[in-house]
Amino acid sequence: MSVRISIIAANSLLGGLQSAFSGCKINIYSGSQPASPELAKTGTLLATISLGGTATGLTWDTPADNTMTKPAAADWSGTAVATGTAGWCRVYESGDADPGAASTTVDRVDMVCTRTGSTECILSTLSLVLDGSISIDSAEIVMPVA
């Protein structure tokens, strides 16, 4: 028997994640993402994304149609701390003391980064340069449904 989740249930589950990610930040890394967000990071930390590049954490739109998205008008940006090519990113809750370390006690989501298309995390550029600006144009977390 397969588990099948309705859109309403998916939205409820994402609502819990939206709450957990209130005030979250996003780290952008080079290379390929690890097999699980519970594992330690792979690659080099290239940038940390926050609201307007400040210390203020991010918020997500209310889930709809089994999808939680970046608010369209929100400025999710940061400054590169290293030069490299973005490959993936980790969304992590504000209480995550070390988002690069392995952990089974905090909420995290890892996503692929691209420049265009319909994907999890679309960046303003994949080529980051030390002290250069970087922003997330769009991001979404989709809960599979039947």
Protein backbone atom coordinates (compact mmCIF):
# COMPACT_ATOMS: atom_id res chain seq x y z
CA MET A 1 0.00 0.00 0.00
CA SER A 2 1.29 3.46 -0.90
CA VAL A 3 0.85 6.55 1.23
CA ARG A 4 -0.98 9.29 -0.63
CA ILE A 5 -1.22 12.81 0.76
CA SER A 6 -3.99 15.23 -0.15
CA ILE A 7 -3.19 18.82 -1.09
CA ILE A 8 -4.88 20.03 2.11
CA ALA A 9 -2.73 17.69 4.23
CA ALA A 10 0.38 18.76 2.28
CA ASN A 11 -0.45 22.41 2.96
CA SER A 12 -0.84 21.62 6.67
CA LEU A 13 2.52 19.85 6.78
CA LEU A 14 4.15 22.75 4.95
CA GLY A 15 2.47 25.13 7.41
CA GLY A 16 4.46 23.46 10.18
CA LEU A 17 7.63 23.91 8.16
CA GLN A 18 6.71 27.54 7.46
CA SER A 19 6.45 28.09 11.21
CA ALA A 20 9.79 26.34 11.85
CA PHE A 21 11.44 28.44 9.14
CA SER A 22 10.17 31.79 10.42
CA GLY A 23 13.41 33.73 10.76
CA CYS A 24 15.45 31.15 8.82
CA LYS A 25 18.51 31.79 6.68
CA ILE A 26 19.87 30.05 3.60
CA ASN A 27 23.50 29.04 3.05
CA ILE A 28 24.72 28.65 -0.53
CA TYR A 29 27.45 26.09 -1.18
CA SER A 30 29.56 24.94 -4.11
CA GLY A 31 29.40 21.39 -5.45
CA SER A 32 26.71 18.75 -5.01
CA GLN A 33 24.38 18.58 -2.06
CA PRO A 34 24.74 15.78 0.51
CA ALA A 35 22.37 12.80 0.46
CA SER A 36 20.36 14.25 3.37
CA PRO A 37 20.00 17.62 5.16
CA GLU A 38 20.92 15.74 8.34
CA LEU A 39 24.45 15.21 7.00
CA ALA A 40 27.30 17.70 7.15
CA LYS A 41 27.64 20.15 4.27
CA THR A 42 29.62 19.37 1.18
CA GLY A 43 31.50 22.01 -0.79
CA THR A 44 32.52 25.51 0.24
CA LEU A 45 30.22 28.03 1.92
CA LEU A 46 29.80 30.82 -0.65
CA ALA A 47 27.16 33.07 0.97
CA THR A 48 24.47 33.32 3.63
CA ILE A 49 21.13 34.72 2.50
CA SER A 50 18.97 36.83 4.80
CA LEU A 51 16.33 39.53 4.44
CA GLY A 52 17.99 42.36 2.52
CA GLY A 53 21.44 41.01 3.38
CA THR A 54 20.96 42.05 7.02
CA ALA A 55 20.91 39.95 10.18
CA THR A 56 17.12 39.59 9.81
CA GLY A 57 15.88 36.08 9.01
CA LEU A 58 13.53 35.11 6.18
CA THR A 59 9.84 34.28 6.10
CA TRP A 60 7.89 32.21 3.57
CA ASP A 61 4.47 32.69 1.98
CA THR A 62 1.56 30.68 3.36
CA PRO A 63 1.56 27.26 1.67
CA ALA A 64 -0.90 26.75 -1.18
CA ASP A 65 -1.31 23.98 -3.75
CA ASN A 66 1.23 21.84 -1.84
CA THR A 67 3.94 24.49 -2.32
CA MET A 68 5.66 26.97 0.01
CA THR A 69 7.34 29.87 -1.81
CA LYS A 70 9.54 32.89 -1.28
CA PRO A 71 7.40 36.05 -1.10
CA ALA A 72 7.70 37.68 -4.54
CA ALA A 73 8.56 41.15 -3.23
CA ALA A 74 10.99 39.99 -0.53
CA ASP A 75 14.69 40.84 -0.94
CA TRP A 76 16.49 37.62 -0.08
CA SER A 77 20.15 38.53 -0.54
CA GLY A 78 23.67 38.39 0.85
CA THR A 79 27.35 38.97 0.17
CA ALA A 80 29.69 36.25 -1.07
CA VAL A 81 32.24 35.10 1.51
CA ALA A 82 34.16 33.08 -1.10
CA THR A 83 34.52 32.80 -4.87
CA GLY A 84 32.95 29.75 -6.51
CA THR A 85 30.04 28.24 -8.43
CA ALA A 86 26.80 27.72 -6.52
CA GLY A 87 25.52 24.16 -6.63
CA TRP A 88 23.07 23.82 -3.74
CA CYS A 89 21.70 25.58 -0.69
CA ARG A 90 20.53 24.71 2.81
CA VAL A 91 17.50 26.37 4.42
CA TYR A 92 17.93 26.21 8.20
CA GLU A 93 15.94 27.33 11.23
CA SER A 94 17.12 30.29 13.29
CA GLY A 95 18.10 28.00 16.18
CA ASP A 96 20.55 25.96 14.08
CA ALA A 97 23.91 26.83 15.71
CA ASP A 98 25.99 25.17 12.96
CA PRO A 99 24.08 24.56 9.72
CA GLY A 100 27.19 23.07 8.11
CA ALA A 101 27.49 20.28 10.68
CA ALA A 102 25.57 17.01 10.79
CA SER A 103 22.40 17.22 12.92
CA THR A 104 19.23 15.24 13.57
CA THR A 105 17.71 17.83 15.92
CA VAL A 106 16.99 20.86 13.69
CA ASP A 107 14.72 21.60 10.73
CA ARG A 108 16.56 21.85 7.41
CA VAL A 109 15.84 21.58 3.70
CA ASP A 110 18.53 21.21 1.02
CA MET A 111 17.80 22.41 -2.53
CA VAL A 112 19.53 22.56 -5.90
CA CYS A 113 20.49 26.04 -7.12
CA THR A 114 20.04 27.07 -10.75
CA ARG A 115 19.87 30.29 -12.72
CA THR A 116 16.64 29.69 -14.66
CA GLY A 117 13.74 27.31 -14.97
CA SER A 118 11.22 25.82 -12.63
CA THR A 119 13.29 24.50 -9.78
CA GLU A 120 13.77 24.76 -6.04
CA CYS A 121 16.12 27.78 -5.80
CA ILE A 122 16.81 30.25 -8.60
CA LEU A 123 19.74 32.60 -7.97
CA SER A 124 20.67 35.92 -9.58
CA THR A 125 23.96 34.26 -10.61
CA LEU A 126 25.66 30.92 -10.07
CA SER A 127 29.15 32.50 -10.29
CA LEU A 128 29.85 34.11 -6.95
CA VAL A 129 32.83 36.41 -6.43
CA LEU A 130 34.22 37.27 -3.00
CA ASP A 131 32.41 40.34 -1.59
CA GLY A 132 29.95 40.35 -4.51
CA SER A 133 26.17 40.49 -4.12
CA ILE A 134 23.95 37.45 -4.51
CA SER A 135 20.17 37.15 -4.33
CA ILE A 136 17.53 34.46 -4.55
CA ASP A 137 15.06 35.33 -7.30
CA SER A 138 12.64 32.55 -6.37
CA ALA A 139 12.51 29.52 -4.11
CA GLU A 140 9.92 26.87 -3.44
CA ILE A 141 9.48 23.79 -1.32
CA VAL A 142 6.99 21.32 -2.78
CA MET A 143 5.31 18.53 -0.81
CA PRO A 144 4.49 15.56 -3.08
CA VAL A 145 0.80 14.69 -3.30
CA ALA A 146 -1.23 11.87 -4.83
